[in-house]
């Protein structure tokens, strides 16, 4: 074709560095908006929350945490943890 030019782009062999975000900054992104639910045994809950007295052994519990990891609630059902989050207008993030 007359007047058409073919251009060749060279790809840079240098990779662009990803921005560095601290764990604290990452947690603050969802502060007050995002929460997650973590399943734990009653033994683990007793270790993490020593102020809880007389927690029966062998239970599966659900801990609702703020985006920065701060515990918000500890319940015996996932539904109760979800209801607590919804009551506080928090969005639940999926954590793997």
PDB file of N, CA and C in Angstrom:
ATOM      1  N   UNK A   1       0.842  -1.167   0.000  1.00  0.00           N
ATOM      2  CA  UNK A   1       0.000   0.000   0.000  1.00  0.00           C
ATOM      3  C   UNK A   1       0.886   1.229   0.000  1.00  0.00           C
ATOM      4  N   UNK A   2       0.487   2.160  -0.775  1.00  0.00           N
ATOM      5  CA  UNK A   2       1.255   3.382  -0.873  1.00  0.00           C
ATOM      6  C   UNK A   2       1.058   4.227   0.373  1.00  0.00           C
ATOM      7  N   UNK A   3       2.156   4.708   0.901  1.00  0.00           N
ATOM      8  CA  UNK A   3       2.076   5.589   2.065  1.00  0.00           C
ATOM      9  C   UNK A   3       1.993   4.849   3.386  1.00  0.00           C
ATOM     10  N   UNK A   4       1.853   3.522   3.363  1.00  0.00           N
ATOM     11  CA  UNK A   4       1.771   2.821   4.652  1.00  0.00           C
ATOM     12  C   UNK A   4       3.169   2.507   5.146  1.00  0.00           C
ATOM     13  N   UNK A   5       3.322   2.599   6.411  1.00  0.00           N
ATOM     14  CA  UNK A   5       4.604   2.336   7.030  1.00  0.00           C
ATOM     15  C   UNK A   5       4.426   1.221   8.052  1.00  0.00           C
ATOM     16  N   UNK A   6       5.413   0.426   8.135  1.00  0.00           N
ATOM     17  CA  UNK A   6       5.381  -0.569   9.199  1.00  0.00           C
ATOM     18  C   UNK A   6       6.292  -0.085  10.303  1.00  0.00           C
ATOM     19  N   UNK A   7       5.790  -0.121  11.489  1.00  0.00           N
ATOM     20  CA  UNK A   7       6.605   0.316  12.616  1.00  0.00           C
ATOM     21  C   UNK A   7       6.914  -0.884  13.488  1.00  0.00           C
ATOM     22  N   UNK A   8       8.079  -0.882  13.969  1.00  0.00           N
ATOM     23  CA  UNK A   8       8.500  -1.952  14.856  1.00  0.00           C
ATOM     24  C   UNK A   8       8.758  -1.348  16.211  1.00  0.00           C
ATOM     25  N   UNK A   9       8.081  -1.900  17.195  1.00  0.00           N
ATOM     26  CA  UNK A   9       8.289  -1.442  18.562  1.00  0.00           C
ATOM     27  C   UNK A   9       9.200  -2.435  19.261  1.00  0.00           C
ATOM     28  N   UNK A  10      10.144  -1.924  19.920  1.00  0.00           N
ATOM     29  CA  UNK A  10      11.004  -2.776  20.711  1.00  0.00           C
ATOM     30  C   UNK A  10      10.467  -2.829  22.132  1.00  0.00           C
ATOM     31  N   UNK A  11      10.432  -4.024  22.634  1.00  0.00           N
ATOM     32  CA  UNK A  11      10.021  -4.168  24.024  1.00  0.00           C
ATOM     33  C   UNK A  11      11.237  -4.031  24.894  1.00  0.00           C
ATOM     34  N   UNK A  12      11.073  -3.277  25.902  1.00  0.00           N
ATOM     35  CA  UNK A  12      12.185  -3.048  26.816  1.00  0.00           C
ATOM     36  C   UNK A  12      12.481  -4.330  27.577  1.00  0.00           C
ATOM     37  N   UNK A  13      13.733  -4.623  27.711  1.00  0.00           N
ATOM     38  CA  UNK A  13      14.121  -5.812  28.469  1.00  0.00           C
ATOM     39  C   UNK A  13      14.072  -5.543  29.968  1.00  0.00           C
ATOM     40  N   UNK A  14      13.928  -4.285  30.345  1.00  0.00           N
ATOM     41  CA  UNK A  14      13.832  -3.934  31.754  1.00  0.00           C
ATOM     42  C   UNK A  14      12.381  -4.037  32.208  1.00  0.00           C
ATOM     43  N   UNK A  15      12.192  -4.705  33.309  1.00  0.00           N
ATOM     44  CA  UNK A  15      10.853  -4.798  33.877  1.00  0.00           C
ATOM     45  C   UNK A  15      10.625  -3.611  34.788  1.00  0.00           C
ATOM     46  N   UNK A  16       9.411  -3.114  34.768  1.00  0.00           N
ATOM     47  CA  UNK A  16       9.080  -1.993  35.647  1.00  0.00           C
ATOM     48  C   UNK A  16       8.894  -2.543  37.058  1.00  0.00           C
ATOM     49  N   UNK A  17       9.442  -1.861  38.004  1.00  0.00           N
ATOM     50  CA  UNK A  17       9.319  -2.277  39.395  1.00  0.00           C
ATOM     51  C   UNK A  17       7.911  -2.010  39.886  1.00  0.00           C
ATOM     52  N   UNK A  18       7.376  -2.975  40.606  1.00  0.00           N
ATOM     53  CA  UNK A  18       6.050  -2.808  41.196  1.00  0.00           C
ATOM     54  C   UNK A  18       6.161  -1.836  42.361  1.00  0.00           C
ATOM     55  N   UNK A  19       5.125  -1.040  42.584  1.00  0.00           N
ATOM     56  CA  UNK A  19       5.179  -0.121  43.717  1.00  0.00           C
ATOM     57  C   UNK A  19       5.261  -0.917  45.017  1.00  0.00           C
ATOM     58  N   UNK A  20       5.996  -0.418  45.953  1.00  0.00           N
ATOM     59  CA  UNK A  20       6.145  -1.097  47.229  1.00  0.00           C
ATOM     60  C   UNK A  20       5.134  -0.501  48.200  1.00  0.00           C
ATOM     61  N   UNK A  21       4.332  -1.388  48.776  1.00  0.00           N
ATOM     62  CA  UNK A  21       3.313  -0.988  49.734  1.00  0.00           C
ATOM     63  C   UNK A  21       3.570  -1.779  51.008  1.00  0.00           C
ATOM     64  N   UNK A  22       3.647  -1.098  52.105  1.00  0.00           N
ATOM     65  CA  UNK A  22       3.880  -1.790  53.378  1.00  0.00           C
ATOM     66  C   UNK A  22       2.616  -2.546  53.791  1.00  0.00           C
ATOM     67  N   UNK A  23       2.792  -3.510  54.677  1.00  0.00           N
ATOM     68  CA  UNK A  23       1.636  -4.250  55.180  1.00  0.00           C
ATOM     69  C   UNK A  23       0.659  -3.314  55.873  1.00  0.00           C
ATOM     70  N   UNK A  24       1.187  -2.329  56.569  1.00  0.00           N
ATOM     71  CA  UNK A  24       0.338  -1.358  57.265  1.00  0.00           C
ATOM     72  C   UNK A  24      -0.487  -0.553  56.271  1.00  0.00           C
ATOM     73  N   UNK A  25       0.162  -0.067  55.214  1.00  0.00           N
ATOM     74  CA  UNK A  25      -0.556   0.700  54.193  1.00  0.00           C
ATOM     75  C   UNK A  25      -1.603  -0.163  53.497  1.00  0.00           C
ATOM     76  N   UNK A  26      -1.253  -1.406  53.230  1.00  0.00           N
ATOM     77  CA  UNK A  26      -2.188  -2.314  52.573  1.00  0.00           C
ATOM     78  C   UNK A  26      -3.416  -2.539  53.448  1.00  0.00           C
ATOM     79  N   UNK A  27      -3.193  -2.736  54.728  1.00  0.00           N
ATOM     80  CA  UNK A  27      -4.309  -2.946  55.652  1.00  0.00           C
ATOM     81  C   UNK A  27      -5.200  -1.719  55.746  1.00  0.00           C
ATOM     82  N   UNK A  28      -4.610  -0.534  55.678  1.00  0.00           N
ATOM     83  CA  UNK A  28      -5.383   0.707  55.789  1.00  0.00           C
ATOM     84  C   UNK A  28      -6.273   0.955  54.583  1.00  0.00           C
ATOM     85  N   UNK A  29      -5.983   0.296  53.455  1.00  0.00           N
ATOM     86  CA  UNK A  29      -6.809   0.493  52.260  1.00  0.00           C
ATOM     87  C   UNK A  29      -8.267   0.146  52.527  1.00  0.00           C
ATOM     88  N   UNK A  30      -8.497  -0.852  53.350  1.00  0.00           N
ATOM     89  CA  UNK A  30      -9.864  -1.261  53.628  1.00  0.00           C
ATOM     90  C   UNK A  30     -10.348  -0.873  55.000  1.00  0.00           C
ATOM     91  N   UNK A  31      -9.612  -0.016  55.685  1.00  0.00           N
ATOM     92  CA  UNK A  31      -9.926   0.353  57.057  1.00  0.00           C
ATOM     93  C   UNK A  31     -11.332   0.908  57.175  1.00  0.00           C
ATOM     94  N   UNK A  32     -12.115   0.269  58.009  1.00  0.00           N
ATOM     95  CA  UNK A  32     -13.477   0.725  58.255  1.00  0.00           C
ATOM     96  C   UNK A  32     -14.469   0.326  57.192  1.00  0.00           C
ATOM     97  N   UNK A  33     -13.995  -0.366  56.145  1.00  0.00           N
ATOM     98  CA  UNK A  33     -14.877  -0.747  55.046  1.00  0.00           C
ATOM     99  C   UNK A  33     -14.862  -2.255  54.811  1.00  0.00           C
ATOM    100  N   UNK A  34     -13.673  -2.834  54.889  1.00  0.00           N
ATOM    101  CA  UNK A  34     -13.486  -4.236  54.554  1.00  0.00           C
ATOM    102  C   UNK A  34     -13.140  -5.034  55.802  1.00  0.00           C
ATOM    103  N   UNK A  35     -13.681  -6.230  55.878  1.00  0.00           N
ATOM    104  CA  UNK A  35     -13.370  -7.152  56.964  1.00  0.00           C
ATOM    105  C   UNK A  35     -13.243  -8.553  56.380  1.00  0.00           C
ATOM    106  N   UNK A  36     -12.714  -9.445  57.177  1.00  0.00           N
ATOM    107  CA  UNK A  36     -12.651 -10.838  56.750  1.00  0.00           C
ATOM    108  C   UNK A  36     -13.000 -11.739  57.929  1.00  0.00           C
ATOM    109  N   UNK A  37     -13.439 -12.936  57.590  1.00  0.00           N
ATOM    110  CA  UNK A  37     -13.811 -13.914  58.602  1.00  0.00           C
ATOM    111  C   UNK A  37     -12.783 -15.033  58.567  1.00  0.00           C
ATOM    112  N   UNK A  38     -12.283 -15.371  59.733  1.00  0.00           N
ATOM    113  CA  UNK A  38     -11.273 -16.420  59.847  1.00  0.00           C
ATOM    114  C   UNK A  38     -11.809 -17.516  60.750  1.00  0.00           C
ATOM    115  N   UNK A  39     -11.744 -18.744  60.265  1.00  0.00           N
ATOM    116  CA  UNK A  39     -12.145 -19.889  61.067  1.00  0.00           C
ATOM    117  C   UNK A  39     -10.986 -20.284  61.968  1.00  0.00           C
ATOM    118  N   UNK A  40     -11.306 -20.615  63.213  1.00  0.00           N
ATOM    119  CA  UNK A  40     -10.264 -21.078  64.130  1.00  0.00           C
ATOM    120  C   UNK A  40     -10.859 -22.021  65.156  1.00  0.00           C
ATOM    121  N   UNK A  41     -10.015 -22.832  65.729  1.00  0.00           N
ATOM    122  CA  UNK A  41     -10.455 -23.737  66.788  1.00  0.00           C
ATOM    123  C   UNK A  41     -10.593 -22.951  68.092  1.00  0.00           C
ATOM    124  N   UNK A  42     -11.332 -23.516  69.026  1.00  0.00           N
ATOM    125  CA  UNK A  42     -11.476 -22.837  70.311  1.00  0.00           C
ATOM    126  C   UNK A  42     -10.135 -22.773  71.039  1.00  0.00           C
ATOM    127  N   UNK A  43      -9.239 -23.748  70.800  1.00  0.00           N
ATOM    128  CA  UNK A  43      -7.912 -23.713  71.399  1.00  0.00           C
ATOM    129  C   UNK A  43      -7.102 -22.535  70.855  1.00  0.00           C
ATOM    130  N   UNK A  44      -7.177 -22.312  69.549  1.00  0.00           N
ATOM    131  CA  UNK A  44      -6.482 -21.172  68.943  1.00  0.00           C
ATOM    132  C   UNK A  44      -7.091 -19.858  69.423  1.00  0.00           C
ATOM    133  N   UNK A  45      -8.400 -19.812  69.522  1.00  0.00           N
ATOM    134  CA  UNK A  45      -9.074 -18.601  70.000  1.00  0.00           C
ATOM    135  C   UNK A  45      -8.646 -18.284  71.431  1.00  0.00           C
ATOM    136  N   UNK A  46      -8.503 -19.316  72.258  1.00  0.00           N
ATOM    137  CA  UNK A  46      -8.075 -19.107  73.638  1.00  0.00           C
ATOM    138  C   UNK A  46      -6.668 -18.519  73.690  1.00  0.00           C
ATOM    139  N   UNK A  47      -5.782 -18.963  72.778  1.00  0.00           N
ATOM    140  CA  UNK A  47      -4.423 -18.427  72.716  1.00  0.00           C
ATOM    141  C   UNK A  47      -4.413 -16.974  72.241  1.00  0.00           C
ATOM    142  N   UNK A  48      -5.238 -16.683  71.221  1.00  0.00           N
ATOM    143  CA  UNK A  48      -5.261 -15.344  70.642  1.00  0.00           C
ATOM    144  C   UNK A  48      -6.019 -14.343  71.502  1.00  0.00           C
ATOM    145  N   UNK A  49      -7.002 -14.828  72.233  1.00  0.00           N
ATOM    146  CA  UNK A  49      -7.849 -13.966  73.057  1.00  0.00           C
ATOM    147  C   UNK A  49      -7.849 -14.485  74.492  1.00  0.00           C
ATOM    148  N   UNK A  50      -6.756 -14.286  75.223  1.00  0.00           N
ATOM    149  CA  UNK A  50      -6.642 -14.852  76.573  1.00  0.00           C
ATOM    150  C   UNK A  50      -7.678 -14.327  77.564  1.00  0.00           C
ATOM    151  N   UNK A  51      -8.329 -13.247  77.236  1.00  0.00           N
ATOM    152  CA  UNK A  51      -9.342 -12.706  78.150  1.00  0.00           C
ATOM    153  C   UNK A  51     -10.636 -13.527  78.131  1.00  0.00           C
ATOM    154  N   UNK A  52     -10.772 -14.429  77.162  1.00  0.00           N
ATOM    155  CA  UNK A  52     -11.957 -15.293  77.103  1.00  0.00           C
ATOM    156  C   UNK A  52     -11.783 -16.405  78.132  1.00  0.00           C
ATOM    157  N   UNK A  53     -12.731 -16.516  79.036  1.00  0.00           N
ATOM    158  CA  UNK A  53     -12.673 -17.540  80.078  1.00  0.00           C
ATOM    159  C   UNK A  53     -13.563 -18.731  79.742  1.00  0.00           C
ATOM    160  N   UNK A  54     -13.131 -19.893  80.160  1.00  0.00           N
ATOM    161  CA  UNK A  54     -13.944 -21.117  80.088  1.00  0.00           C
ATOM    162  C   UNK A  54     -14.460 -21.447  78.695  1.00  0.00           C
ATOM    163  N   UNK A  55     -13.638 -21.284  77.691  1.00  0.00           N
ATOM    164  CA  UNK A  55     -14.027 -21.622  76.328  1.00  0.00           C
ATOM    165  C   UNK A  55     -13.906 -23.133  76.148  1.00  0.00           C
ATOM    166  N   UNK A  56     -15.004 -23.822  75.821  1.00  0.00           N
ATOM    167  CA  UNK A  56     -14.932 -25.279  75.654  1.00  0.00           C
ATOM    168  C   UNK A  56     -13.959 -25.673  74.543  1.00  0.00           C
ATOM    169  N   UNK A  57     -13.270 -26.767  74.743  1.00  0.00           N
ATOM    170  CA  UNK A  57     -12.317 -27.266  73.749  1.00  0.00           C
ATOM    171  C   UNK A  57     -13.064 -27.966  72.624  1.00  0.00           C
ATOM    172  N   UNK A  58     -12.432 -27.962  71.439  1.00  0.00           N
ATOM    173  CA  UNK A  58     -12.968 -28.714  70.310  1.00  0.00           C
ATOM    174  C   UNK A  58     -14.018 -28.001  69.475  1.00  0.00           C
ATOM    175  N   UNK A  59     -14.232 -26.725  69.716  1.00  0.00           N
ATOM    176  CA  UNK A  59     -15.222 -25.963  68.943  1.00  0.00           C
ATOM    177  C   UNK A  59     -14.574 -25.340  67.707  1.00  0.00           C
ATOM    178  N   UNK A  60     -15.366 -25.142  66.674  1.00  0.00           N
ATOM    179  CA  UNK A  60     -14.956 -24.337  65.528  1.00  0.00           C
ATOM    180  C   UNK A  60     -15.611 -22.978  65.701  1.00  0.00           C
ATOM    181  N   UNK A  61     -14.791 -21.936  65.681  1.00  0.00           N
ATOM    182  CA  UNK A  61     -15.284 -20.578  65.874  1.00  0.00           C
ATOM    183  C   UNK A  61     -14.964 -19.720  64.659  1.00  0.00           C
ATOM    184  N   UNK A  62     -15.629 -18.581  64.570  1.00  0.00           N
ATOM    185  CA  UNK A  62     -15.469 -17.668  63.443  1.00  0.00           C
ATOM    186  C   UNK A  62     -15.135 -16.289  63.985  1.00  0.00           C
ATOM    187  N   UNK A  63     -13.946 -15.813  63.613  1.00  0.00           N
ATOM    188  CA  UNK A  63     -13.489 -14.504  64.078  1.00  0.00           C
ATOM    189  C   UNK A  63     -13.637 -13.495  62.949  1.00  0.00           C
ATOM    190  N   UNK A  64     -14.304 -12.410  63.239  1.00  0.00           N
ATOM    191  CA  UNK A  64     -14.437 -11.303  62.294  1.00  0.00           C
ATOM    192  C   UNK A  64     -13.315 -10.329  62.588  1.00  0.00           C
ATOM    193  N   UNK A  65     -12.513 -10.015  61.557  1.00  0.00           N
ATOM    194  CA  UNK A  65     -11.366  -9.122  61.707  1.00  0.00           C
ATOM    195  C   UNK A  65     -11.502  -7.931  60.759  1.00  0.00           C
ATOM    196  N   UNK A  66     -11.036  -6.773  61.209  1.00  0.00           N
ATOM    197  CA  UNK A  66     -10.930  -5.601  60.335  1.00  0.00           C
ATOM    198  C   UNK A  66      -9.816  -5.864  59.330  1.00  0.00           C
ATOM    199  N   UNK A  67      -9.743  -5.054  58.309  1.00  0.00           N
ATOM    200  CA  UNK A  67      -8.738  -5.233  57.255  1.00  0.00           C
ATOM    201  C   UNK A  67      -7.319  -5.263  57.799  1.00  0.00           C
ATOM    202  N   UNK A  68      -7.076  -4.544  58.891  1.00  0.00           N
ATOM    203  CA  UNK A  68      -5.728  -4.512  59.471  1.00  0.00           C
ATOM    204  C   UNK A  68      -5.460  -5.668  60.430  1.00  0.00           C
ATOM    205  N   UNK A  69      -6.426  -6.578  60.568  1.00  0.00           N
ATOM    206  CA  UNK A  69      -6.249  -7.738  61.437  1.00  0.00           C
ATOM    207  C   UNK A  69      -6.797  -7.574  62.835  1.00  0.00           C
ATOM    208  N   UNK A  70      -7.302  -6.401  63.155  1.00  0.00           N
ATOM    209  CA  UNK A  70      -7.876  -6.169  64.477  1.00  0.00           C
ATOM    210  C   UNK A  70      -9.140  -7.010  64.651  1.00  0.00           C
ATOM    211  N   UNK A  71      -9.212  -7.812  65.721  1.00  0.00           N
ATOM    212  CA  UNK A  71     -10.424  -8.616  65.938  1.00  0.00           C
ATOM    213  C   UNK A  71     -11.617  -7.720  66.263  1.00  0.00           C
ATOM    214  N   UNK A  72     -12.746  -8.066  65.662  1.00  0.00           N
ATOM    215  CA  UNK A  72     -13.979  -7.317  65.897  1.00  0.00           C
ATOM    216  C   UNK A  72     -14.963  -8.151  66.700  1.00  0.00           C
ATOM    217  N   UNK A  73     -15.093  -9.430  66.326  1.00  0.00           N
ATOM    218  CA  UNK A  73     -16.054 -10.304  67.001  1.00  0.00           C
ATOM    219  C   UNK A  73     -15.610 -11.750  66.879  1.00  0.00           C
ATOM    220  N   UNK A  74     -16.028 -12.560  67.837  1.00  0.00           N
ATOM    221  CA  UNK A  74     -15.775 -13.995  67.826  1.00  0.00           C
ATOM    222  C   UNK A  74     -17.115 -14.673  68.057  1.00  0.00           C
ATOM    223  N   UNK A  75     -17.504 -15.517  67.116  1.00  0.00           N
ATOM    224  CA  UNK A  75     -18.822 -16.153  67.200  1.00  0.00           C
ATOM    225  C   UNK A  75     -18.708 -17.652  66.966  1.00  0.00           C
ATOM    226  N   UNK A  76     -19.827 -18.339  67.203  1.00  0.00           N
ATOM    227  CA  UNK A  76     -19.827 -19.787  67.000  1.00  0.00           C
ATOM    228  C   UNK A  76     -20.418 -20.193  65.652  1.00  0.00           C
ATOM    229  N   UNK A  77     -20.908 -19.220  64.862  1.00  0.00           N
ATOM    230  CA  UNK A  77     -21.406 -19.533  63.518  1.00  0.00           C
ATOM    231  C   UNK A  77     -20.892 -18.509  62.513  1.00  0.00           C
ATOM    232  N   UNK A  78     -20.695 -18.971  61.309  1.00  0.00           N
ATOM    233  CA  UNK A  78     -20.272 -18.069  60.234  1.00  0.00           C
ATOM    234  C   UNK A  78     -21.362 -17.023  59.963  1.00  0.00           C
ATOM    235  N   UNK A  79     -22.612 -17.469  60.024  1.00  0.00           N
ATOM    236  CA  UNK A  79     -23.736 -16.561  59.777  1.00  0.00           C
ATOM    237  C   UNK A  79     -23.743 -15.407  60.786  1.00  0.00           C
ATOM    238  N   UNK A  80     -23.444 -15.685  62.047  1.00  0.00           N
ATOM    239  CA  UNK A  80     -23.405 -14.629  63.066  1.00  0.00           C
ATOM    240  C   UNK A  80     -22.287 -13.637  62.761  1.00  0.00           C
ATOM    241  N   UNK A  81     -21.133 -14.142  62.320  1.00  0.00           N
ATOM    242  CA  UNK A  81     -20.017 -13.252  61.961  1.00  0.00           C
ATOM    243  C   UNK A  81     -20.391 -12.384  60.764  1.00  0.00           C
ATOM    244  N   UNK A  82     -21.065 -12.989  59.776  1.00  0.00           N
ATOM    245  CA  UNK A  82     -21.499 -12.231  58.598  1.00  0.00           C
ATOM    246  C   UNK A  82     -22.534 -11.178  58.994  1.00  0.00           C
ATOM    247  N   UNK A  83     -23.465 -11.542  59.841  1.00  0.00           N
ATOM    248  CA  UNK A  83     -24.494 -10.598  60.289  1.00  0.00           C
ATOM    249  C   UNK A  83     -23.863  -9.422  61.032  1.00  0.00           C
ATOM    250  N   UNK A  84     -22.866  -9.715  61.861  1.00  0.00           N
ATOM    251  CA  UNK A  84     -22.163  -8.643  62.585  1.00  0.00           C
ATOM    252  C   UNK A  84     -21.502  -7.687  61.586  1.00  0.00           C
ATOM    253  N   UNK A  85     -20.848  -8.249  60.576  1.00  0.00           N
ATOM    254  CA  UNK A  85     -20.185  -7.420  59.558  1.00  0.00           C
ATOM    255  C   UNK A  85     -21.198  -6.558  58.814  1.00  0.00           C
ATOM    256  N   UNK A  86     -22.302  -7.165  58.414  1.00  0.00           N
ATOM    257  CA  UNK A  86     -23.331  -6.406  57.692  1.00  0.00           C
ATOM    258  C   UNK A  86     -23.930  -5.316  58.575  1.00  0.00           C
ATOM    259  N   UNK A  87     -24.096  -5.600  59.866  1.00  0.00           N
ATOM    260  CA  UNK A  87     -24.616  -4.612  60.803  1.00  0.00           C
ATOM    261  C   UNK A  87     -23.685  -3.419  60.964  1.00  0.00           C
ATOM    262  N   UNK A  88     -22.397  -3.658  60.747  1.00  0.00           N
ATOM    263  CA  UNK A  88     -21.405  -2.576  60.824  1.00  0.00           C
ATOM    264  C   UNK A  88     -21.081  -2.001  59.447  1.00  0.00           C
ATOM    265  N   UNK A  89     -21.885  -2.359  58.445  1.00  0.00           N
ATOM    266  CA  UNK A  89     -21.685  -1.892  57.064  1.00  0.00           C
ATOM    267  C   UNK A  89     -20.296  -2.230  56.524  1.00  0.00           C
ATOM    268  N   UNK A  90     -19.809  -3.426  56.853  1.00  0.00           N
ATOM    269  CA  UNK A  90     -18.510  -3.886  56.373  1.00  0.00           C
ATOM    270  C   UNK A  90     -18.695  -4.841  55.206  1.00  0.00           C
ATOM    271  N   UNK A  91     -17.799  -4.772  54.253  1.00  0.00           N
ATOM    272  CA  UNK A  91     -17.796  -5.721  53.151  1.00  0.00           C
ATOM    273  C   UNK A  91     -16.861  -6.859  53.518  1.00  0.00           C
ATOM    274  N   UNK A  92     -17.285  -8.088  53.239  1.00  0.00           N
ATOM    275  CA  UNK A  92     -16.466  -9.248  53.557  1.00  0.00           C
ATOM    276  C   UNK A  92     -15.544  -9.549  52.393  1.00  0.00           C
ATOM    277  N   UNK A  93     -14.263  -9.596  52.680  1.00  0.00           N
ATOM    278  CA  UNK A  93     -13.258  -9.950  51.665  1.00  0.00           C
ATOM    279  C   UNK A  93     -12.964 -11.437  51.778  1.00  0.00           C
ATOM    280  N   UNK A  94     -12.723 -12.068  50.653  1.00  0.00           N
ATOM    281  CA  UNK A  94     -12.332 -13.462  50.635  1.00  0.00           C
ATOM    282  C   UNK A  94     -10.829 -13.525  50.801  1.00  0.00           C
ATOM    283  N   UNK A  95     -10.386 -14.271  51.785  1.00  0.00           N
ATOM    284  CA  UNK A  95      -8.951 -14.402  52.056  1.00  0.00           C
ATOM    285  C   UNK A  95      -8.577 -15.860  51.887  1.00  0.00           C
ATOM    286  N   UNK A  96      -7.517 -16.081  51.126  1.00  0.00           N
ATOM    287  CA  UNK A  96      -7.061 -17.458  50.898  1.00  0.00           C
ATOM    288  C   UNK A  96      -5.715 -17.665  51.509  1.00  0.00           C
TER     289      UNK A  96
END
